[in-house]
Structure formats: C-alpha cells, structure tokens
Amino acid sequence: MSHTVNLTKTHKKILLTCLDESHTIKYNKLRNPESRDKMTQLYNSVGAKLLEPVVCGRIGTKVSDNVFGWYIDQINHSGNLAESEFGKYAIEICRAAGTNQYDKFCSITIISKLFEI
C-alpha cells in the first residue's frame, strides 16, 4: 500500500544535511571516478525527492521498500554516522516516514517538547 509523506521544513533540513554527510564519507572512500559520479547522481536524486512530498510505493524500512529504507541503509553504511545523535534522529524520521507513521511521529515529538523540563 502506498502512502505520501510531507516532511516538515526542519526534518527536510536534517535529512538533507545527514545525506550530505553520508555522501562525503562515502565519496572519500571511492577511488573509481565513475562510481563517484553514479553515487553523486543517486544522492542528488534522493535529495531532490526529499524536497517534495515523497510517495512511498511500499511500507517498510528495508532498502527495497522505499526511499526512506534506502536512506537508513546509507546512514548505517557511513562510518560512525549512525551512532551520532544526528544520524540516530535522521533514522527515526526515516523509520516513521517509511512505515506510514510520520504524522504520529511529528505529534509525539511536538508533545514531548512541550513537557521538557
């Protein structure tokens, strides 16, 4: 079942910044210029998709499920990015978006911020 995700401006910024960090980490490891170019094109394509409402063809967080599953995989394979607070939060956003729980995730995030001490 497909669903559409309208990311908030803040979440777009977080995901795009994290995507750029992942790209930099992986780009520096690649030696083949063709591989670098293909990876850069793919990352740019995903970055452009994140700016618009994202249509997910399937629900899930596997690489083959949707762009958010692919995104989680990239973070997990980008050195220590997945262990950073920034990477962890990006993964949380992607999990919620990929499993059609994004609206609930946004409400819980807003409510929890209201009650922070």
N, C-alpha and C. Protein backbone atom coordinates (compact mmCIF):
# COMPACT_ATOMS: atom_id res chain seq x y z
N MET A 1 0.85 -1.17 0.00
CA MET A 1 0.00 0.00 0.00
C MET A 1 0.90 1.23 0.00
N SER A 2 0.63 2.16 -0.89
CA SER A 2 1.46 3.36 -0.95
C SER A 2 0.95 4.45 -0.02
N HIS A 3 1.85 5.34 0.34
CA HIS A 3 1.48 6.49 1.16
C HIS A 3 2.39 7.67 0.78
N THR A 4 1.94 8.86 1.10
CA THR A 4 2.70 10.06 0.79
C THR A 4 3.14 10.72 2.09
N VAL A 5 4.38 11.17 2.12
CA VAL A 5 4.94 11.80 3.31
C VAL A 5 5.29 13.25 2.98
N ASN A 6 4.74 14.17 3.75
CA ASN A 6 5.08 15.59 3.63
C ASN A 6 5.99 15.96 4.79
N LEU A 7 7.28 15.94 4.56
CA LEU A 7 8.25 16.24 5.60
C LEU A 7 8.16 17.71 6.03
N THR A 8 8.37 17.96 7.32
CA THR A 8 8.42 19.33 7.79
C THR A 8 9.71 19.97 7.29
N LYS A 9 9.77 21.28 7.31
CA LYS A 9 10.95 22.01 6.86
C LYS A 9 12.18 21.59 7.69
N THR A 10 12.00 21.45 8.99
CA THR A 10 13.10 21.05 9.87
C THR A 10 13.59 19.65 9.55
N HIS A 11 12.66 18.72 9.34
CA HIS A 11 13.05 17.35 9.02
C HIS A 11 13.72 17.26 7.65
N LYS A 12 13.26 18.06 6.69
CA LYS A 12 13.94 18.10 5.39
C LYS A 12 15.38 18.53 5.56
N LYS A 13 15.58 19.58 6.36
CA LYS A 13 16.93 20.10 6.58
C LYS A 13 17.82 19.06 7.25
N ILE A 14 17.28 18.38 8.24
CA ILE A 14 18.04 17.33 8.95
C ILE A 14 18.42 16.22 7.97
N LEU A 15 17.45 15.74 7.20
CA LEU A 15 17.72 14.64 6.28
C LEU A 15 18.68 15.05 5.18
N LEU A 16 18.54 16.25 4.66
CA LEU A 16 19.45 16.70 3.60
C LEU A 16 20.88 16.89 4.13
N THR A 17 21.01 17.41 5.33
CA THR A 17 22.33 17.60 5.93
C THR A 17 22.98 16.25 6.21
N CYS A 18 22.20 15.31 6.72
CA CYS A 18 22.72 13.97 7.01
C CYS A 18 23.08 13.24 5.70
N LEU A 19 22.27 13.45 4.67
CA LEU A 19 22.55 12.84 3.37
C LEU A 19 23.87 13.39 2.82
N ASP A 20 24.10 14.67 2.99
CA ASP A 20 25.34 15.28 2.54
C ASP A 20 26.54 14.71 3.30
N GLU A 21 26.36 14.52 4.60
CA GLU A 21 27.43 13.94 5.42
C GLU A 21 27.74 12.52 4.97
N SER A 22 26.70 11.73 4.72
CA SER A 22 26.88 10.36 4.23
C SER A 22 27.61 10.36 2.89
N HIS A 23 27.20 11.25 2.02
CA HIS A 23 27.83 11.36 0.70
C HIS A 23 29.32 11.66 0.84
N THR A 24 29.65 12.61 1.69
CA THR A 24 31.05 12.99 1.88
C THR A 24 31.87 11.81 2.40
N ILE A 25 31.33 11.11 3.38
CA ILE A 25 32.04 9.95 3.95
C ILE A 25 32.28 8.90 2.88
N LYS A 26 31.25 8.56 2.12
CA LYS A 26 31.37 7.50 1.13
C LYS A 26 32.18 7.94 -0.09
N TYR A 27 32.01 9.19 -0.49
CA TYR A 27 32.72 9.72 -1.65
C TYR A 27 34.23 9.61 -1.46
N ASN A 28 34.69 9.94 -0.26
CA ASN A 28 36.12 9.91 0.02
C ASN A 28 36.70 8.50 0.04
N LYS A 29 35.85 7.49 0.17
CA LYS A 29 36.32 6.11 0.18
C LYS A 29 36.42 5.53 -1.24
N LEU A 30 35.63 6.08 -2.16
CA LEU A 30 35.60 5.54 -3.52
C LEU A 30 36.81 6.03 -4.32
N ARG A 31 37.37 5.16 -5.10
CA ARG A 31 38.53 5.51 -5.94
C ARG A 31 38.11 5.71 -7.40
N ASN A 32 37.14 4.96 -7.85
CA ASN A 32 36.73 4.99 -9.25
C ASN A 32 35.88 6.24 -9.53
N PRO A 33 36.31 7.10 -10.46
CA PRO A 33 35.55 8.31 -10.78
C PRO A 33 34.13 8.03 -11.26
N GLU A 34 33.94 6.93 -12.00
CA GLU A 34 32.59 6.57 -12.45
C GLU A 34 31.68 6.24 -11.27
N SER A 35 32.21 5.50 -10.32
CA SER A 35 31.44 5.15 -9.13
C SER A 35 31.09 6.40 -8.34
N ARG A 36 32.03 7.32 -8.24
CA ARG A 36 31.78 8.58 -7.54
C ARG A 36 30.65 9.36 -8.22
N ASP A 37 30.72 9.41 -9.56
CA ASP A 37 29.69 10.15 -10.31
C ASP A 37 28.31 9.52 -10.15
N LYS A 38 28.24 8.19 -10.23
CA LYS A 38 26.96 7.49 -10.07
C LYS A 38 26.38 7.71 -8.68
N MET A 39 27.26 7.62 -7.67
CA MET A 39 26.80 7.82 -6.31
C MET A 39 26.30 9.25 -6.12
N THR A 40 27.03 10.21 -6.64
CA THR A 40 26.63 11.61 -6.52
C THR A 40 25.28 11.85 -7.19
N GLN A 41 25.08 11.27 -8.37
CA GLN A 41 23.79 11.41 -9.06
C GLN A 41 22.66 10.81 -8.24
N LEU A 42 22.89 9.65 -7.66
CA LEU A 42 21.87 8.99 -6.85
C LEU A 42 21.54 9.82 -5.61
N TYR A 43 22.54 10.28 -4.92
CA TYR A 43 22.33 11.11 -3.73
C TYR A 43 21.59 12.40 -4.09
N ASN A 44 21.97 13.03 -5.20
CA ASN A 44 21.28 14.25 -5.62
C ASN A 44 19.82 13.97 -5.96
N SER A 45 19.56 12.83 -6.58
CA SER A 45 18.20 12.45 -6.92
C SER A 45 17.35 12.26 -5.66
N VAL A 46 17.90 11.58 -4.68
CA VAL A 46 17.18 11.37 -3.42
C VAL A 46 16.98 12.70 -2.70
N GLY A 47 18.00 13.55 -2.69
CA GLY A 47 17.87 14.86 -2.07
C GLY A 47 16.74 15.67 -2.69
N ALA A 48 16.62 15.61 -4.00
CA ALA A 48 15.54 16.34 -4.69
C ALA A 48 14.18 15.76 -4.32
N LYS A 49 14.10 14.43 -4.17
CA LYS A 49 12.83 13.79 -3.79
C LYS A 49 12.39 14.23 -2.39
N LEU A 50 13.35 14.44 -1.51
CA LEU A 50 13.02 14.83 -0.14
C LEU A 50 12.43 16.24 -0.05
N LEU A 51 12.67 17.05 -1.05
CA LEU A 51 12.16 18.42 -1.04
C LEU A 51 10.67 18.49 -1.36
N GLU A 52 10.16 17.48 -2.02
CA GLU A 52 8.75 17.40 -2.41
C GLU A 52 8.04 16.36 -1.52
N PRO A 53 6.70 16.32 -1.59
CA PRO A 53 6.03 15.20 -0.90
C PRO A 53 6.55 13.87 -1.48
N VAL A 54 6.93 12.97 -0.61
CA VAL A 54 7.53 11.70 -1.03
C VAL A 54 6.45 10.63 -1.10
N VAL A 55 6.31 10.03 -2.28
CA VAL A 55 5.37 8.93 -2.44
C VAL A 55 6.13 7.63 -2.23
N CYS A 56 5.69 6.86 -1.25
CA CYS A 56 6.31 5.58 -0.94
C CYS A 56 5.43 4.48 -1.51
N GLY A 57 6.00 3.70 -2.40
CA GLY A 57 5.25 2.62 -3.03
C GLY A 57 4.91 1.50 -2.08
N ARG A 58 5.79 1.26 -1.11
CA ARG A 58 5.56 0.20 -0.13
C ARG A 58 5.87 0.73 1.26
N ILE A 59 5.28 0.08 2.24
CA ILE A 59 5.53 0.43 3.63
C ILE A 59 6.64 -0.45 4.16
N GLY A 60 7.61 0.16 4.83
CA GLY A 60 8.69 -0.62 5.43
C GLY A 60 9.97 0.17 5.52
N THR A 61 11.00 -0.48 6.03
CA THR A 61 12.29 0.20 6.19
C THR A 61 13.44 -0.58 5.56
N LYS A 62 13.12 -1.60 4.75
CA LYS A 62 14.17 -2.30 4.02
C LYS A 62 14.56 -1.42 2.82
N VAL A 63 15.76 -1.62 2.31
CA VAL A 63 16.26 -0.85 1.18
C VAL A 63 15.29 -0.89 0.01
N SER A 64 14.70 -2.04 -0.22
CA SER A 64 13.81 -2.21 -1.37
C SER A 64 12.41 -1.65 -1.16
N ASP A 65 12.08 -1.24 0.07
CA ASP A 65 10.71 -0.79 0.35
C ASP A 65 10.41 0.60 -0.20
N ASN A 66 11.27 1.56 0.09
CA ASN A 66 11.02 2.93 -0.33
C ASN A 66 12.28 3.76 -0.12
N VAL A 67 12.24 5.03 -0.47
CA VAL A 67 13.41 5.90 -0.36
C VAL A 67 13.91 6.02 1.08
N PHE A 68 13.02 5.91 2.04
CA PHE A 68 13.43 6.03 3.44
C PHE A 68 14.21 4.80 3.89
N GLY A 69 13.83 3.63 3.40
CA GLY A 69 14.59 2.42 3.69
C GLY A 69 15.99 2.51 3.10
N TRP A 70 16.07 3.02 1.87
CA TRP A 70 17.37 3.23 1.23
C TRP A 70 18.21 4.21 2.05
N TYR A 71 17.57 5.27 2.51
CA TYR A 71 18.25 6.31 3.27
C TYR A 71 18.84 5.74 4.57
N ILE A 72 18.05 4.95 5.30
CA ILE A 72 18.54 4.33 6.53
C ILE A 72 19.78 3.48 6.24
N ASP A 73 19.74 2.73 5.15
CA ASP A 73 20.87 1.89 4.77
C ASP A 73 22.12 2.73 4.51
N GLN A 74 21.96 3.87 3.88
CA GLN A 74 23.11 4.73 3.59
C GLN A 74 23.73 5.26 4.89
N ILE A 75 22.89 5.66 5.83
CA ILE A 75 23.40 6.15 7.11
C ILE A 75 24.14 5.03 7.84
N ASN A 76 23.55 3.84 7.84
CA ASN A 76 24.17 2.71 8.53
C ASN A 76 25.50 2.30 7.92
N HIS A 77 25.72 2.65 6.66
CA HIS A 77 26.98 2.29 5.98
C HIS A 77 27.86 3.51 5.76
N SER A 78 27.74 4.49 6.64
CA SER A 78 28.54 5.72 6.53
C SER A 78 29.36 5.93 7.80
N GLY A 79 30.26 5.02 8.05
CA GLY A 79 31.13 5.15 9.22
C GLY A 79 30.34 5.21 10.51
N ASN A 80 30.65 6.18 11.35
CA ASN A 80 30.01 6.31 12.66
C ASN A 80 28.77 7.21 12.62
N LEU A 81 28.32 7.57 11.45
CA LEU A 81 27.17 8.48 11.32
C LEU A 81 25.94 7.94 12.04
N ALA A 82 25.70 6.64 11.95
CA ALA A 82 24.51 6.04 12.57
C ALA A 82 24.56 6.10 14.10
N GLU A 83 25.76 6.21 14.67
CA GLU A 83 25.88 6.28 16.12
C GLU A 83 25.79 7.72 16.65
N SER A 84 25.89 8.69 15.77
CA SER A 84 25.80 10.08 16.21
C SER A 84 24.34 10.43 16.52
N GLU A 85 24.13 11.41 17.37
CA GLU A 85 22.77 11.84 17.70
C GLU A 85 22.04 12.30 16.45
N PHE A 86 22.76 12.98 15.58
CA PHE A 86 22.20 13.48 14.33
C PHE A 86 21.74 12.32 13.45
N GLY A 87 22.61 11.32 13.31
CA GLY A 87 22.28 10.15 12.50
C GLY A 87 21.12 9.36 13.08
N LYS A 88 21.11 9.22 14.41
CA LYS A 88 20.02 8.49 15.08
C LYS A 88 18.68 9.18 14.84
N TYR A 89 18.68 10.51 14.91
CA TYR A 89 17.42 11.24 14.71
C TYR A 89 16.97 11.13 13.25
N ALA A 90 17.90 11.19 12.32
CA ALA A 90 17.56 11.03 10.90
C ALA A 90 16.95 9.64 10.67
N ILE A 91 17.51 8.64 11.30
CA ILE A 91 16.97 7.27 11.17
C ILE A 91 15.56 7.20 11.75
N GLU A 92 15.34 7.85 12.89
CA GLU A 92 13.99 7.87 13.48
C GLU A 92 12.98 8.50 12.52
N ILE A 93 13.36 9.60 11.92
CA ILE A 93 12.48 10.27 10.95
C ILE A 93 12.16 9.32 9.80
N CYS A 94 13.20 8.68 9.27
CA CYS A 94 13.02 7.76 8.13
C CYS A 94 12.18 6.54 8.50
N ARG A 95 12.38 6.01 9.69
CA ARG A 95 11.56 4.85 10.12
C ARG A 95 10.09 5.24 10.17
N ALA A 96 9.82 6.39 10.76
CA ALA A 96 8.42 6.84 10.86
C ALA A 96 7.85 7.10 9.48
N ALA A 97 8.61 7.77 8.64
CA ALA A 97 8.12 8.09 7.29
C ALA A 97 7.94 6.83 6.44
N GLY A 98 8.87 5.91 6.54
CA GLY A 98 8.81 4.70 5.73
C GLY A 98 7.72 3.74 6.13
N THR A 99 7.29 3.82 7.39
CA THR A 99 6.26 2.90 7.88
C THR A 99 4.89 3.57 8.01
N ASN A 100 4.75 4.72 7.38
CA ASN A 100 3.48 5.47 7.38
C ASN A 100 3.07 5.91 8.78
N GLN A 101 4.06 6.23 9.62
CA GLN A 101 3.81 6.69 10.99
C GLN A 101 4.32 8.12 11.20
N TYR A 102 4.60 8.81 10.10
CA TYR A 102 5.23 10.12 10.19
C TYR A 102 4.36 11.15 10.92
N ASP A 103 3.08 11.19 10.63
CA ASP A 103 2.20 12.16 11.30
C ASP A 103 2.19 11.92 12.80
N LYS A 104 2.12 10.65 13.20
CA LYS A 104 2.14 10.30 14.63
C LYS A 104 3.49 10.69 15.24
N PHE A 105 4.57 10.43 14.53
CA PHE A 105 5.91 10.78 14.99
C PHE A 105 6.01 12.29 15.23
N CYS A 106 5.49 13.07 14.32
CA CYS A 106 5.53 14.54 14.48
C CYS A 106 4.71 14.98 15.68
N SER A 107 3.53 14.39 15.90
CA SER A 107 2.72 14.79 17.05
C SER A 107 3.40 14.42 18.36
N ILE A 108 3.98 13.24 18.43
CA ILE A 108 4.66 12.81 19.65
C ILE A 108 5.86 13.71 19.92
N THR A 109 6.61 14.06 18.87
CA THR A 109 7.78 14.92 19.03
C THR A 109 7.37 16.29 19.56
N ILE A 110 6.30 16.85 19.03
CA ILE A 110 5.83 18.17 19.47
C ILE A 110 5.36 18.10 20.91
N ILE A 111 4.57 17.09 21.25
CA ILE A 111 4.04 16.95 22.61
C ILE A 111 5.18 16.76 23.62
N SER A 112 6.16 15.92 23.28
CA SER A 112 7.26 15.69 24.22
C SER A 112 8.07 16.96 24.44
N LYS A 113 8.20 17.80 23.42
CA LYS A 113 8.94 19.06 23.58
C LYS A 113 8.19 20.02 24.49
N LEU A 114 6.88 19.97 24.47
CA LEU A 114 6.08 20.84 25.33
C LEU A 114 6.32 20.54 26.80
N PHE A 115 6.60 19.27 27.12
CA PHE A 115 6.74 18.86 28.51
C PHE A 115 8.17 18.67 28.97
N GLU A 116 9.15 19.11 28.13
CA GLU A 116 10.54 19.04 28.55
C GLU A 116 10.80 19.99 29.70
N ILE A 117 11.64 19.58 30.60
CA ILE A 117 11.96 20.44 31.75
C ILE A 117 13.30 21.10 31.51
